[in-house]
Amino acid sequence: MKLSDNRANAVREYLVSQGVNSAAVTSQGFGKSMPVADNATAAGRQQNRRVELVVSGEILGTSLTETRTTRTIITKP
């Protein structure tokens, strides 16, 4: 769980360092509670080492008439 929290916080800190408003960014680690693959294999564990970003609301200063959500999965080898 600690590793998951650290990974999520590292991404949050990077986004804030790049100019994203810190009040607009939250992070949460899920540990073993939300795997996308089987942790019994090295390949599955690699797939589970990921960060998911949820982006919603105003994008690049343009107000949206309807909220859109995009999920991006970043996997570290």
PDB file of N, CA and C in Angstrom:
ATOM      1  N   MET A   1       0.822  -1.186   0.000  1.00  0.00           N
ATOM      2  CA  MET A   1       0.000   0.000   0.000  1.00  0.00           C
ATOM      3  C   MET A   1       0.874   1.260   0.000  1.00  0.00           C
ATOM      4  N   LYS A   2       1.949   1.219   0.758  1.00  0.00           N
ATOM      5  CA  LYS A   2       2.848   2.378   0.826  1.00  0.00           C
ATOM      6  C   LYS A   2       3.455   2.677  -0.548  1.00  0.00           C
ATOM      7  N   LEU A   3       3.877   1.637  -1.261  1.00  0.00           N
ATOM      8  CA  LEU A   3       4.443   1.828  -2.595  1.00  0.00           C
ATOM      9  C   LEU A   3       3.406   2.442  -3.533  1.00  0.00           C
ATOM     10  N   SER A   4       2.175   1.979  -3.433  1.00  0.00           N
ATOM     11  CA  SER A   4       1.102   2.520  -4.263  1.00  0.00           C
ATOM     12  C   SER A   4       0.861   4.001  -3.951  1.00  0.00           C
ATOM     13  N   ASP A   5       0.819   4.345  -2.671  1.00  0.00           N
ATOM     14  CA  ASP A   5       0.661   5.749  -2.275  1.00  0.00           C
ATOM     15  C   ASP A   5       1.828   6.596  -2.763  1.00  0.00           C
ATOM     16  N   ASN A   6       3.035   6.068  -2.638  1.00  0.00           N
ATOM     17  CA  ASN A   6       4.224   6.803  -3.095  1.00  0.00           C
ATOM     18  C   ASN A   6       4.177   7.063  -4.593  1.00  0.00           C
ATOM     19  N   ARG A   7       3.755   6.068  -5.370  1.00  0.00           N
ATOM     20  CA  ARG A   7       3.675   6.220  -6.823  1.00  0.00           C
ATOM     21  C   ARG A   7       2.644   7.295  -7.169  1.00  0.00           C
ATOM     22  N   ALA A   8       1.477   7.257  -6.539  1.00  0.00           N
ATOM     23  CA  ALA A   8       0.430   8.244  -6.805  1.00  0.00           C
ATOM     24  C   ALA A   8       0.895   9.647  -6.415  1.00  0.00           C
ATOM     25  N   ASN A   9       1.540   9.775  -5.266  1.00  0.00           N
ATOM     26  CA  ASN A   9       2.025  11.080  -4.816  1.00  0.00           C
ATOM     27  C   ASN A   9       3.124  11.625  -5.714  1.00  0.00           C
ATOM     28  N   ALA A  10       3.972  10.751  -6.246  1.00  0.00           N
ATOM     29  CA  ALA A  10       5.041  11.191  -7.153  1.00  0.00           C
ATOM     30  C   ALA A  10       4.451  11.804  -8.416  1.00  0.00           C
ATOM     31  N   VAL A  11       3.397  11.206  -8.945  1.00  0.00           N
ATOM     32  CA  VAL A  11       2.752  11.757 -10.142  1.00  0.00           C
ATOM     33  C   VAL A  11       2.093  13.089  -9.812  1.00  0.00           C
ATOM     34  N   ARG A  12       1.432  13.175  -8.653  1.00  0.00           N
ATOM     35  CA  ARG A  12       0.807  14.426  -8.229  1.00  0.00           C
ATOM     36  C   ARG A  12       1.860  15.526  -8.099  1.00  0.00           C
ATOM     37  N   GLU A  13       2.957  15.220  -7.434  1.00  0.00           N
ATOM     38  CA  GLU A  13       4.020  16.206  -7.252  1.00  0.00           C
ATOM     39  C   GLU A  13       4.593  16.670  -8.591  1.00  0.00           C
ATOM     40  N   TYR A  14       4.743  15.752  -9.542  1.00  0.00           N
ATOM     41  CA  TYR A  14       5.240  16.121 -10.868  1.00  0.00           C
ATOM     42  C   TYR A  14       4.272  17.089 -11.554  1.00  0.00           C
ATOM     43  N   LEU A  15       2.974  16.767 -11.526  1.00  0.00           N
ATOM     44  CA  LEU A  15       1.994  17.644 -12.170  1.00  0.00           C
ATOM     45  C   LEU A  15       2.009  19.034 -11.547  1.00  0.00           C
ATOM     46  N   VAL A  16       2.097  19.099 -10.232  1.00  0.00           N
ATOM     47  CA  VAL A  16       2.151  20.391  -9.543  1.00  0.00           C
ATOM     48  C   VAL A  16       3.428  21.140  -9.926  1.00  0.00           C
ATOM     49  N   SER A  17       4.552  20.424 -10.025  1.00  0.00           N
ATOM     50  CA  SER A  17       5.817  21.068 -10.404  1.00  0.00           C
ATOM     51  C   SER A  17       5.774  21.614 -11.827  1.00  0.00           C
ATOM     52  N   GLN A  18       4.861  21.088 -12.650  1.00  0.00           N
ATOM     53  CA  GLN A  18       4.725  21.546 -14.031  1.00  0.00           C
ATOM     54  C   GLN A  18       3.681  22.646 -14.182  1.00  0.00           C
ATOM     55  N   GLY A  19       3.144  23.126 -13.037  1.00  0.00           N
ATOM     56  CA  GLY A  19       2.236  24.263 -13.084  1.00  0.00           C
ATOM     57  C   GLY A  19       0.775  23.965 -12.856  1.00  0.00           C
ATOM     58  N   VAL A  20       0.408  22.704 -12.649  1.00  0.00           N
ATOM     59  CA  VAL A  20      -0.988  22.386 -12.360  1.00  0.00           C
ATOM     60  C   VAL A  20      -1.289  22.839 -10.932  1.00  0.00           C
ATOM     61  N   ASN A  21      -2.413  23.508 -10.735  1.00  0.00           N
ATOM     62  CA  ASN A  21      -2.809  24.004  -9.424  1.00  0.00           C
ATOM     63  C   ASN A  21      -2.899  22.841  -8.432  1.00  0.00           C
ATOM     64  N   SER A  22      -2.174  22.933  -7.332  1.00  0.00           N
ATOM     65  CA  SER A  22      -2.132  21.834  -6.363  1.00  0.00           C
ATOM     66  C   SER A  22      -3.503  21.528  -5.762  1.00  0.00           C
ATOM     67  N   ALA A  23      -4.373  22.537  -5.686  1.00  0.00           N
ATOM     68  CA  ALA A  23      -5.717  22.312  -5.149  1.00  0.00           C
ATOM     69  C   ALA A  23      -6.590  21.512  -6.119  1.00  0.00           C
ATOM     70  N   ALA A  24      -6.170  21.428  -7.374  1.00  0.00           N
ATOM     71  CA  ALA A  24      -6.953  20.728  -8.393  1.00  0.00           C
ATOM     72  C   ALA A  24      -6.498  19.291  -8.602  1.00  0.00           C
ATOM     73  N   VAL A  25      -5.467  18.857  -7.862  1.00  0.00           N
ATOM     74  CA  VAL A  25      -4.913  17.525  -8.078  1.00  0.00           C
ATOM     75  C   VAL A  25      -4.965  16.731  -6.774  1.00  0.00           C
ATOM     76  N   THR A  26      -5.557  15.564  -6.831  1.00  0.00           N
ATOM     77  CA  THR A  26      -5.549  14.667  -5.678  1.00  0.00           C
ATOM     78  C   THR A  26      -4.882  13.373  -6.085  1.00  0.00           C
ATOM     79  N   SER A  27      -4.396  12.638  -5.114  1.00  0.00           N
ATOM     80  CA  SER A  27      -3.792  11.334  -5.422  1.00  0.00           C
ATOM     81  C   SER A  27      -4.293  10.318  -4.410  1.00  0.00           C
ATOM     82  N   GLN A  28      -4.363   9.073  -4.856  1.00  0.00           N
ATOM     83  CA  GLN A  28      -4.802   7.992  -3.984  1.00  0.00           C
ATOM     84  C   GLN A  28      -4.192   6.695  -4.473  1.00  0.00           C
ATOM     85  N   GLY A  29      -3.568   5.967  -3.572  1.00  0.00           N
ATOM     86  CA  GLY A  29      -3.044   4.651  -3.899  1.00  0.00           C
ATOM     87  C   GLY A  29      -4.076   3.600  -3.531  1.00  0.00           C
ATOM     88  N   PHE A  30      -4.128   2.528  -4.308  1.00  0.00           N
ATOM     89  CA  PHE A  30      -5.092   1.467  -4.046  1.00  0.00           C
ATOM     90  C   PHE A  30      -4.429   0.148  -3.663  1.00  0.00           C
ATOM     91  N   GLY A  31      -3.097   0.090  -3.731  1.00  0.00           N
ATOM     92  CA  GLY A  31      -2.406  -1.136  -3.342  1.00  0.00           C
ATOM     93  C   GLY A  31      -2.903  -2.340  -4.115  1.00  0.00           C
ATOM     94  N   LYS A  32      -3.183  -3.404  -3.395  1.00  0.00           N
ATOM     95  CA  LYS A  32      -3.637  -4.650  -4.027  1.00  0.00           C
ATOM     96  C   LYS A  32      -5.141  -4.704  -4.228  1.00  0.00           C
ATOM     97  N   SER A  33      -5.853  -3.638  -3.877  1.00  0.00           N
ATOM     98  CA  SER A  33      -7.315  -3.682  -3.919  1.00  0.00           C
ATOM     99  C   SER A  33      -7.927  -3.557  -5.311  1.00  0.00           C
ATOM    100  N   MET A  34      -7.180  -3.064  -6.298  1.00  0.00           N
ATOM    101  CA  MET A  34      -7.744  -2.872  -7.645  1.00  0.00           C
ATOM    102  C   MET A  34      -6.778  -3.340  -8.736  1.00  0.00           C
ATOM    103  N   PRO A  35      -6.365  -4.591  -8.731  1.00  0.00           N
ATOM    104  CA  PRO A  35      -5.443  -5.066  -9.775  1.00  0.00           C
ATOM    105  C   PRO A  35      -6.150  -5.176 -11.130  1.00  0.00           C
ATOM    106  N   VAL A  36      -5.368  -5.024 -12.196  1.00  0.00           N
ATOM    107  CA  VAL A  36      -5.892  -5.233 -13.548  1.00  0.00           C
ATOM    108  C   VAL A  36      -5.394  -6.557 -14.115  1.00  0.00           C
ATOM    109  N   ALA A  37      -4.467  -7.179 -13.409  1.00  0.00           N
ATOM    110  CA  ALA A  37      -3.899  -8.453 -13.858  1.00  0.00           C
ATOM    111  C   ALA A  37      -3.590  -9.309 -12.635  1.00  0.00           C
ATOM    112  N   ASP A  38      -3.282 -10.566 -12.878  1.00  0.00           N
ATOM    113  CA  ASP A  38      -2.978 -11.520 -11.814  1.00  0.00           C
ATOM    114  C   ASP A  38      -1.596 -11.237 -11.231  1.00  0.00           C
ATOM    115  N   ASN A  39      -1.503 -11.085  -9.928  1.00  0.00           N
ATOM    116  CA  ASN A  39      -0.225 -10.818  -9.276  1.00  0.00           C
ATOM    117  C   ASN A  39       0.642 -12.069  -9.113  1.00  0.00           C
ATOM    118  N   ALA A  40       0.168 -13.214  -9.581  1.00  0.00           N
ATOM    119  CA  ALA A  40       0.925 -14.458  -9.455  1.00  0.00           C
ATOM    120  C   ALA A  40       2.083 -14.539 -10.451  1.00  0.00           C
ATOM    121  N   THR A  41       2.066 -13.685 -11.479  1.00  0.00           N
ATOM    122  CA  THR A  41       3.132 -13.716 -12.487  1.00  0.00           C
ATOM    123  C   THR A  41       3.853 -12.373 -12.530  1.00  0.00           C
ATOM    124  N   ALA A  42       5.094 -12.393 -12.998  1.00  0.00           N
ATOM    125  CA  ALA A  42       5.867 -11.161 -13.131  1.00  0.00           C
ATOM    126  C   ALA A  42       5.189 -10.205 -14.119  1.00  0.00           C
ATOM    127  N   ALA A  43       4.653 -10.754 -15.206  1.00  0.00           N
ATOM    128  CA  ALA A  43       3.975  -9.915 -16.202  1.00  0.00           C
ATOM    129  C   ALA A  43       2.735  -9.255 -15.601  1.00  0.00           C
ATOM    130  N   GLY A  44       1.993  -9.986 -14.799  1.00  0.00           N
ATOM    131  CA  GLY A  44       0.811  -9.426 -14.155  1.00  0.00           C
ATOM    132  C   GLY A  44       1.179  -8.348 -13.158  1.00  0.00           C
ATOM    133  N   ARG A  45       2.217  -8.584 -12.364  1.00  0.00           N
ATOM    134  CA  ARG A  45       2.662  -7.574 -11.405  1.00  0.00           C
ATOM    135  C   ARG A  45       3.123  -6.314 -12.121  1.00  0.00           C
ATOM    136  N   GLN A  46       3.785  -6.472 -13.269  1.00  0.00           N
ATOM    137  CA  GLN A  46       4.224  -5.312 -14.040  1.00  0.00           C
ATOM    138  C   GLN A  46       3.018  -4.499 -14.509  1.00  0.00           C
ATOM    139  N   GLN A  47       1.978  -5.175 -14.959  1.00  0.00           N
ATOM    140  CA  GLN A  47       0.772  -4.466 -15.403  1.00  0.00           C
ATOM    141  C   GLN A  47       0.112  -3.724 -14.240  1.00  0.00           C
ATOM    142  N   ASN A  48       0.220  -4.255 -13.053  1.00  0.00           N
ATOM    143  CA  ASN A  48      -0.402  -3.636 -11.891  1.00  0.00           C
ATOM    144  C   ASN A  48       0.381  -2.450 -11.348  1.00  0.00           C
ATOM    145  N   ARG A  49       1.633  -2.294 -11.789  1.00  0.00           N
ATOM    146  CA  ARG A  49       2.420  -1.109 -11.405  1.00  0.00           C
ATOM    147  C   ARG A  49       2.057   0.004 -12.379  1.00  0.00           C
ATOM    148  N   ARG A  50       1.032   0.753 -12.049  1.00  0.00           N
ATOM    149  CA  ARG A  50       0.503   1.740 -12.985  1.00  0.00           C
ATOM    150  C   ARG A  50      -0.037   2.940 -12.228  1.00  0.00           C
ATOM    151  N   VAL A  51      -0.286   3.992 -12.988  1.00  0.00           N
ATOM    152  CA  VAL A  51      -0.952   5.182 -12.481  1.00  0.00           C
ATOM    153  C   VAL A  51      -2.108   5.460 -13.422  1.00  0.00           C
ATOM    154  N   GLU A  52      -3.282   5.667 -12.878  1.00  0.00           N
ATOM    155  CA  GLU A  52      -4.439   6.044 -13.682  1.00  0.00           C
ATOM    156  C   GLU A  52      -4.761   7.501 -13.398  1.00  0.00           C
ATOM    157  N   LEU A  53      -4.917   8.276 -14.462  1.00  0.00           N
ATOM    158  CA  LEU A  53      -5.257   9.692 -14.336  1.00  0.00           C
ATOM    159  C   LEU A  53      -6.697   9.881 -14.770  1.00  0.00           C
ATOM    160  N   VAL A  54      -7.452  10.622 -13.994  1.00  0.00           N
ATOM    161  CA  VAL A  54      -8.816  10.981 -14.371  1.00  0.00           C
ATOM    162  C   VAL A  54      -8.837  12.489 -14.551  1.00  0.00           C
ATOM    163  N   VAL A  55      -9.174  12.923 -15.762  1.00  0.00           N
ATOM    164  CA  VAL A  55      -9.197  14.341 -16.092  1.00  0.00           C
ATOM    165  C   VAL A  55     -10.645  14.723 -16.371  1.00  0.00           C
ATOM    166  N   SER A  56     -11.119  15.768 -15.688  1.00  0.00           N
ATOM    167  CA  SER A  56     -12.492  16.204 -15.941  1.00  0.00           C
ATOM    168  C   SER A  56     -12.604  17.702 -15.721  1.00  0.00           C
ATOM    169  N   GLY A  57     -13.678  18.291 -16.213  1.00  0.00           N
ATOM    170  CA  GLY A  57     -13.926  19.721 -16.016  1.00  0.00           C
ATOM    171  C   GLY A  57     -13.331  20.557 -17.116  1.00  0.00           C
ATOM    172  N   GLU A  58     -12.831  21.750 -16.745  1.00  0.00           N
ATOM    173  CA  GLU A  58     -12.258  22.645 -17.741  1.00  0.00           C
ATOM    174  C   GLU A  58     -10.916  22.121 -18.225  1.00  0.00           C
ATOM    175  N   ILE A  59     -10.728  22.144 -19.524  1.00  0.00           N
ATOM    176  CA  ILE A  59      -9.483  21.686 -20.118  1.00  0.00           C
ATOM    177  C   ILE A  59      -8.867  22.847 -20.886  1.00  0.00           C
ATOM    178  N   LEU A  60      -7.641  23.190 -20.544  1.00  0.00           N
ATOM    179  CA  LEU A  60      -6.892  24.261 -21.204  1.00  0.00           C
ATOM    180  C   LEU A  60      -7.664  25.574 -21.226  1.00  0.00           C
ATOM    181  N   GLY A  61      -8.402  25.848 -20.154  1.00  0.00           N
ATOM    182  CA  GLY A  61      -9.102  27.118 -20.031  1.00  0.00           C
ATOM    183  C   GLY A  61     -10.378  27.229 -20.834  1.00  0.00           C
ATOM    184  N   THR A  62     -10.780  26.175 -21.506  1.00  0.00           N
ATOM    185  CA  THR A  62     -12.008  26.190 -22.292  1.00  0.00           C
ATOM    186  C   THR A  62     -13.104  25.508 -21.494  1.00  0.00           C
ATOM    187  N   SER A  63     -14.181  26.227 -21.230  1.00  0.00           N
ATOM    188  CA  SER A  63     -15.277  25.658 -20.457  1.00  0.00           C
ATOM    189  C   SER A  63     -16.043  24.657 -21.323  1.00  0.00           C
ATOM    190  N   LEU A  64     -16.326  23.515 -20.758  1.00  0.00           N
ATOM    191  CA  LEU A  64     -17.042  22.471 -21.482  1.00  0.00           C
ATOM    192  C   LEU A  64     -18.520  22.524 -21.131  1.00  0.00           C
ATOM    193  N   THR A  65     -19.372  22.262 -22.095  1.00  0.00           N
ATOM    194  CA  THR A  65     -20.802  22.252 -21.819  1.00  0.00           C
ATOM    195  C   THR A  65     -21.218  20.961 -21.134  1.00  0.00           C
ATOM    196  N   GLU A  66     -20.502  19.918 -21.357  1.00  0.00           N
ATOM    197  CA  GLU A  66     -20.751  18.663 -20.649  1.00  0.00           C
ATOM    198  C   GLU A  66     -19.414  18.137 -20.154  1.00  0.00           C
ATOM    199  N   THR A  67     -19.425  17.504 -19.002  1.00  0.00           N
ATOM    200  CA  THR A  67     -18.190  16.998 -18.418  1.00  0.00           C
ATOM    201  C   THR A  67     -17.752  15.752 -19.166  1.00  0.00           C
ATOM    202  N   ARG A  68     -16.480  15.721 -19.503  1.00  0.00           N
ATOM    203  CA  ARG A  68     -15.886  14.558 -20.159  1.00  0.00           C
ATOM    204  C   ARG A  68     -14.836  14.005 -19.230  1.00  0.00           C
ATOM    205  N   THR A  69     -14.676  12.714 -19.210  1.00  0.00           N
ATOM    206  CA  THR A  69     -13.673  12.084 -18.367  1.00  0.00           C
ATOM    207  C   THR A  69     -12.809  11.196 -19.242  1.00  0.00           C
ATOM    208  N   THR A  70     -11.490  11.304 -19.054  1.00  0.00           N
ATOM    209  CA  THR A  70     -10.537  10.489 -19.781  1.00  0.00           C
ATOM    210  C   THR A  70      -9.682   9.761 -18.781  1.00  0.00           C
ATOM    211  N   ARG A  71      -9.443   8.494 -18.985  1.00  0.00           N
ATOM    212  CA  ARG A  71      -8.580   7.717 -18.113  1.00  0.00           C
ATOM    213  C   ARG A  71      -7.360   7.300 -18.921  1.00  0.00           C
ATOM    214  N   THR A  72      -6.192   7.603 -18.384  1.00  0.00           N
ATOM    215  CA  THR A  72      -4.938   7.246 -19.008  1.00  0.00           C
ATOM    216  C   THR A  72      -4.182   6.338 -18.072  1.00  0.00           C
ATOM    217  N   ILE A  73      -3.679   5.224 -18.559  1.00  0.00           N
ATOM    218  CA  ILE A  73      -2.906   4.308 -17.739  1.00  0.00           C
ATOM    219  C   ILE A  73      -1.462   4.397 -18.173  1.00  0.00           C
ATOM    220  N   ILE A  74      -0.588   4.692 -17.222  1.00  0.00           N
ATOM    221  CA  ILE A  74       0.846   4.774 -17.477  1.00  0.00           C
ATOM    222  C   ILE A  74       1.495   3.587 -16.779  1.00  0.00           C
ATOM    223  N   THR A  75       2.192   2.736 -17.520  1.00  0.00           N
ATOM    224  CA  THR A  75       2.828   1.563 -16.947  1.00  0.00           C
ATOM    225  C   THR A  75       4.338   1.758 -16.967  1.00  0.00           C
ATOM    226  N   LYS A  76       4.974   1.534 -15.825  1.00  0.00           N
ATOM    227  CA  LYS A  76       6.437   1.612 -15.746  1.00  0.00           C
ATOM    228  C   LYS A  76       6.993   0.204 -15.901  1.00  0.00           C
ATOM    229  N   PRO A  77       7.979   0.030 -16.778  1.00  0.00           N
ATOM    230  CA  PRO A  77       8.581  -1.309 -16.944  1.00  0.00           C
ATOM    231  C   PRO A  77       9.388  -1.708 -15.721  1.00  0.00           C
TER     232      PRO A  77
END
